[in-house]
Amino acid sequence: MEEQDLREIGISDPQHRRKLLQAARSLPKVKALGYDGVSPTSVPSWLDSLGLQDYVHSFLSSGYSSIDTVKNLWELELVNVL
């Protein structure tokens, strides 16, 4: 996330943007799928490991039924699936 992203979503106050950017930078980094050498065996098990089991049906009905298809998701596709 960059300052320009915050401007584009309508956050016009520079102090608010600064606070949001500082907070975003303090969030833990998301590790890549399989970074530890262990990849989930299915989309449901992956979503479950993230605490997102409510989205299993959305992923599967949208054609994301294997870990390989999930690895190739673009951010826009992910937003549309969720």
N, C-alpha and C. Protein backbone atom coordinates (compact mmCIF):
# COMPACT_ATOMS: atom_id res chain seq x y z
N MET A 1 0.84 -1.16 0.00
CA MET A 1 0.00 0.00 0.00
C MET A 1 0.89 1.24 0.00
N GLU A 2 0.53 2.17 -0.84
CA GLU A 2 1.27 3.42 -0.98
C GLU A 2 0.34 4.59 -0.69
N GLU A 3 0.93 5.75 -0.47
CA GLU A 3 0.13 6.95 -0.20
C GLU A 3 -0.86 7.22 -1.32
N GLN A 4 -0.43 7.01 -2.56
CA GLN A 4 -1.31 7.23 -3.71
C GLN A 4 -2.54 6.33 -3.65
N ASP A 5 -2.37 5.09 -3.18
CA ASP A 5 -3.51 4.18 -3.06
C ASP A 5 -4.55 4.76 -2.10
N LEU A 6 -4.08 5.34 -1.01
CA LEU A 6 -5.00 5.92 -0.04
C LEU A 6 -5.71 7.15 -0.60
N ARG A 7 -4.99 7.94 -1.38
CA ARG A 7 -5.63 9.09 -2.04
C ARG A 7 -6.73 8.61 -2.98
N GLU A 8 -6.44 7.56 -3.72
CA GLU A 8 -7.40 7.06 -4.70
C GLU A 8 -8.68 6.52 -4.06
N ILE A 9 -8.60 6.08 -2.82
CA ILE A 9 -9.82 5.60 -2.16
C ILE A 9 -10.47 6.69 -1.32
N GLY A 10 -9.99 7.94 -1.47
CA GLY A 10 -10.66 9.08 -0.87
C GLY A 10 -10.16 9.55 0.48
N ILE A 11 -9.00 9.09 0.91
CA ILE A 11 -8.44 9.55 2.18
C ILE A 11 -7.60 10.78 1.88
N SER A 12 -8.20 11.95 2.10
CA SER A 12 -7.55 13.19 1.69
C SER A 12 -6.67 13.82 2.77
N ASP A 13 -6.92 13.51 4.02
CA ASP A 13 -6.14 14.11 5.11
C ASP A 13 -4.75 13.47 5.18
N PRO A 14 -3.68 14.26 5.01
CA PRO A 14 -2.32 13.71 5.03
C PRO A 14 -1.97 13.00 6.35
N GLN A 15 -2.48 13.52 7.46
CA GLN A 15 -2.20 12.88 8.75
C GLN A 15 -2.86 11.50 8.83
N HIS A 16 -4.06 11.40 8.31
CA HIS A 16 -4.75 10.10 8.30
C HIS A 16 -4.00 9.11 7.42
N ARG A 17 -3.55 9.58 6.25
CA ARG A 17 -2.77 8.69 5.37
C ARG A 17 -1.50 8.22 6.05
N ARG A 18 -0.82 9.14 6.74
CA ARG A 18 0.41 8.78 7.44
C ARG A 18 0.15 7.72 8.51
N LYS A 19 -0.91 7.91 9.28
CA LYS A 19 -1.25 6.94 10.34
C LYS A 19 -1.58 5.57 9.74
N LEU A 20 -2.35 5.58 8.67
CA LEU A 20 -2.71 4.30 8.03
C LEU A 20 -1.49 3.59 7.46
N LEU A 21 -0.60 4.35 6.83
CA LEU A 21 0.61 3.74 6.27
C LEU A 21 1.50 3.17 7.37
N GLN A 22 1.63 3.90 8.48
CA GLN A 22 2.43 3.39 9.60
C GLN A 22 1.82 2.11 10.15
N ALA A 23 0.50 2.10 10.29
CA ALA A 23 -0.17 0.90 10.81
C ALA A 23 -0.01 -0.27 9.85
N ALA A 24 -0.13 -0.01 8.56
CA ALA A 24 0.01 -1.07 7.56
C ALA A 24 1.42 -1.65 7.57
N ARG A 25 2.42 -0.80 7.76
CA ARG A 25 3.80 -1.29 7.79
C ARG A 25 4.09 -2.15 9.01
N SER A 26 3.31 -1.97 10.06
CA SER A 26 3.54 -2.75 11.28
C SER A 26 2.86 -4.11 11.24
N LEU A 27 2.03 -4.33 10.24
CA LEU A 27 1.37 -5.64 10.11
C LEU A 27 2.40 -6.70 9.73
N PRO A 28 2.18 -7.94 10.19
CA PRO A 28 3.12 -8.99 9.81
C PRO A 28 3.04 -9.26 8.30
N LYS A 29 4.16 -9.59 7.72
CA LYS A 29 4.21 -9.92 6.30
C LYS A 29 3.56 -11.28 6.07
N VAL A 30 2.81 -11.37 4.99
CA VAL A 30 2.19 -12.64 4.62
C VAL A 30 3.22 -13.48 3.90
N LYS A 31 3.39 -14.67 4.34
CA LYS A 31 4.38 -15.57 3.72
C LYS A 31 3.76 -16.26 2.51
N ALA A 32 4.57 -16.51 1.53
CA ALA A 32 4.12 -17.17 0.31
C ALA A 32 3.64 -18.58 0.61
N LEU A 33 2.65 -19.01 -0.14
CA LEU A 33 2.12 -20.35 -0.01
C LEU A 33 3.22 -21.37 -0.25
N GLY A 34 3.47 -22.22 0.72
CA GLY A 34 4.51 -23.24 0.61
C GLY A 34 5.89 -22.75 0.99
N TYR A 35 6.02 -21.57 1.58
CA TYR A 35 7.33 -21.01 1.94
C TYR A 35 8.12 -21.93 2.86
N ASP A 36 7.43 -22.70 3.68
CA ASP A 36 8.10 -23.55 4.66
C ASP A 36 8.35 -24.97 4.14
N GLY A 37 8.11 -25.16 2.85
CA GLY A 37 8.31 -26.48 2.26
C GLY A 37 7.09 -27.38 2.38
N VAL A 38 6.07 -26.90 3.07
CA VAL A 38 4.84 -27.68 3.24
C VAL A 38 3.71 -26.91 2.56
N SER A 39 3.17 -27.51 1.52
CA SER A 39 2.04 -26.88 0.84
C SER A 39 0.75 -27.56 1.24
N PRO A 40 -0.32 -26.80 1.39
CA PRO A 40 -1.61 -27.42 1.68
C PRO A 40 -1.97 -28.38 0.54
N THR A 41 -2.70 -29.40 0.87
CA THR A 41 -3.03 -30.40 -0.14
C THR A 41 -4.31 -30.08 -0.90
N SER A 42 -5.10 -29.15 -0.37
CA SER A 42 -6.36 -28.80 -1.03
C SER A 42 -6.72 -27.36 -0.72
N VAL A 43 -7.60 -26.82 -1.53
CA VAL A 43 -8.08 -25.45 -1.29
C VAL A 43 -8.81 -25.37 0.05
N PRO A 44 -9.71 -26.32 0.37
CA PRO A 44 -10.36 -26.26 1.68
C PRO A 44 -9.37 -26.30 2.85
N SER A 45 -8.34 -27.12 2.78
CA SER A 45 -7.39 -27.18 3.90
C SER A 45 -6.58 -25.89 4.00
N TRP A 46 -6.26 -25.29 2.85
CA TRP A 46 -5.55 -24.01 2.86
C TRP A 46 -6.39 -22.91 3.49
N LEU A 47 -7.66 -22.79 3.05
CA LEU A 47 -8.54 -21.77 3.61
C LEU A 47 -8.78 -22.01 5.10
N ASP A 48 -8.91 -23.27 5.48
CA ASP A 48 -9.10 -23.60 6.88
C ASP A 48 -7.89 -23.16 7.72
N SER A 49 -6.69 -23.36 7.18
CA SER A 49 -5.48 -22.97 7.91
C SER A 49 -5.39 -21.46 8.11
N LEU A 50 -6.07 -20.70 7.25
CA LEU A 50 -6.10 -19.25 7.35
C LEU A 50 -7.31 -18.75 8.15
N GLY A 51 -8.17 -19.67 8.57
CA GLY A 51 -9.38 -19.28 9.28
C GLY A 51 -10.44 -18.71 8.34
N LEU A 52 -10.37 -19.08 7.07
CA LEU A 52 -11.28 -18.55 6.06
C LEU A 52 -12.17 -19.64 5.45
N GLN A 53 -12.52 -20.63 6.24
CA GLN A 53 -13.30 -21.75 5.74
C GLN A 53 -14.66 -21.33 5.18
N ASP A 54 -15.16 -20.15 5.55
CA ASP A 54 -16.44 -19.67 5.00
C ASP A 54 -16.36 -19.41 3.50
N TYR A 55 -15.16 -19.32 2.95
CA TYR A 55 -14.99 -18.99 1.53
C TYR A 55 -14.74 -20.21 0.64
N VAL A 56 -14.76 -21.39 1.22
CA VAL A 56 -14.50 -22.61 0.43
C VAL A 56 -15.45 -22.69 -0.76
N HIS A 57 -16.73 -22.53 -0.52
CA HIS A 57 -17.71 -22.64 -1.61
C HIS A 57 -17.44 -21.61 -2.70
N SER A 58 -17.11 -20.37 -2.31
CA SER A 58 -16.83 -19.32 -3.30
C SER A 58 -15.66 -19.68 -4.20
N PHE A 59 -14.59 -20.19 -3.60
CA PHE A 59 -13.42 -20.57 -4.39
C PHE A 59 -13.75 -21.74 -5.31
N LEU A 60 -14.35 -22.78 -4.75
CA LEU A 60 -14.62 -23.98 -5.54
C LEU A 60 -15.61 -23.69 -6.67
N SER A 61 -16.66 -22.92 -6.39
CA SER A 61 -17.65 -22.64 -7.43
C SER A 61 -17.12 -21.69 -8.50
N SER A 62 -16.05 -20.99 -8.20
CA SER A 62 -15.42 -20.10 -9.18
C SER A 62 -14.30 -20.79 -9.95
N GLY A 63 -14.14 -22.09 -9.74
CA GLY A 63 -13.16 -22.85 -10.51
C GLY A 63 -11.79 -22.96 -9.87
N TYR A 64 -11.62 -22.46 -8.66
CA TYR A 64 -10.34 -22.54 -7.97
C TYR A 64 -10.36 -23.77 -7.06
N SER A 65 -10.15 -24.92 -7.68
CA SER A 65 -10.31 -26.18 -6.96
C SER A 65 -8.99 -26.87 -6.65
N SER A 66 -7.87 -26.29 -7.09
CA SER A 66 -6.58 -26.89 -6.77
C SER A 66 -5.63 -25.82 -6.27
N ILE A 67 -4.64 -26.24 -5.52
CA ILE A 67 -3.66 -25.30 -4.99
C ILE A 67 -2.92 -24.60 -6.13
N ASP A 68 -2.67 -25.28 -7.22
CA ASP A 68 -1.99 -24.66 -8.35
C ASP A 68 -2.79 -23.49 -8.93
N THR A 69 -4.12 -23.64 -9.01
CA THR A 69 -4.93 -22.53 -9.53
C THR A 69 -4.92 -21.36 -8.55
N VAL A 70 -4.90 -21.65 -7.26
CA VAL A 70 -4.86 -20.59 -6.25
C VAL A 70 -3.53 -19.84 -6.32
N LYS A 71 -2.45 -20.54 -6.54
CA LYS A 71 -1.14 -19.89 -6.61
C LYS A 71 -1.06 -18.90 -7.76
N ASN A 72 -1.88 -19.09 -8.78
CA ASN A 72 -1.86 -18.21 -9.95
C ASN A 72 -2.89 -17.10 -9.90
N LEU A 73 -3.58 -16.94 -8.77
CA LEU A 73 -4.59 -15.89 -8.66
C LEU A 73 -3.97 -14.50 -8.71
N TRP A 74 -4.60 -13.64 -9.44
CA TRP A 74 -4.23 -12.22 -9.43
C TRP A 74 -5.03 -11.56 -8.32
N GLU A 75 -4.57 -10.43 -7.81
CA GLU A 75 -5.26 -9.74 -6.72
C GLU A 75 -6.70 -9.41 -7.11
N LEU A 76 -6.93 -8.92 -8.32
CA LEU A 76 -8.27 -8.57 -8.74
C LEU A 76 -9.19 -9.79 -8.75
N GLU A 77 -8.66 -10.91 -9.22
CA GLU A 77 -9.45 -12.14 -9.21
C GLU A 77 -9.81 -12.53 -7.77
N LEU A 78 -8.86 -12.39 -6.87
CA LEU A 78 -9.08 -12.75 -5.48
C LEU A 78 -10.18 -11.89 -4.87
N VAL A 79 -10.16 -10.60 -5.14
CA VAL A 79 -11.19 -9.71 -4.63
C VAL A 79 -12.56 -10.11 -5.18
N ASN A 80 -12.61 -10.46 -6.46
CA ASN A 80 -13.88 -10.86 -7.08
C ASN A 80 -14.38 -12.19 -6.54
N VAL A 81 -13.49 -13.13 -6.25
CA VAL A 81 -13.88 -14.43 -5.70
C VAL A 81 -14.44 -14.27 -4.30
N LEU A 82 -13.75 -13.44 -3.50
CA LEU A 82 -14.18 -13.24 -2.11
C LEU A 82 -15.40 -12.35 -2.08
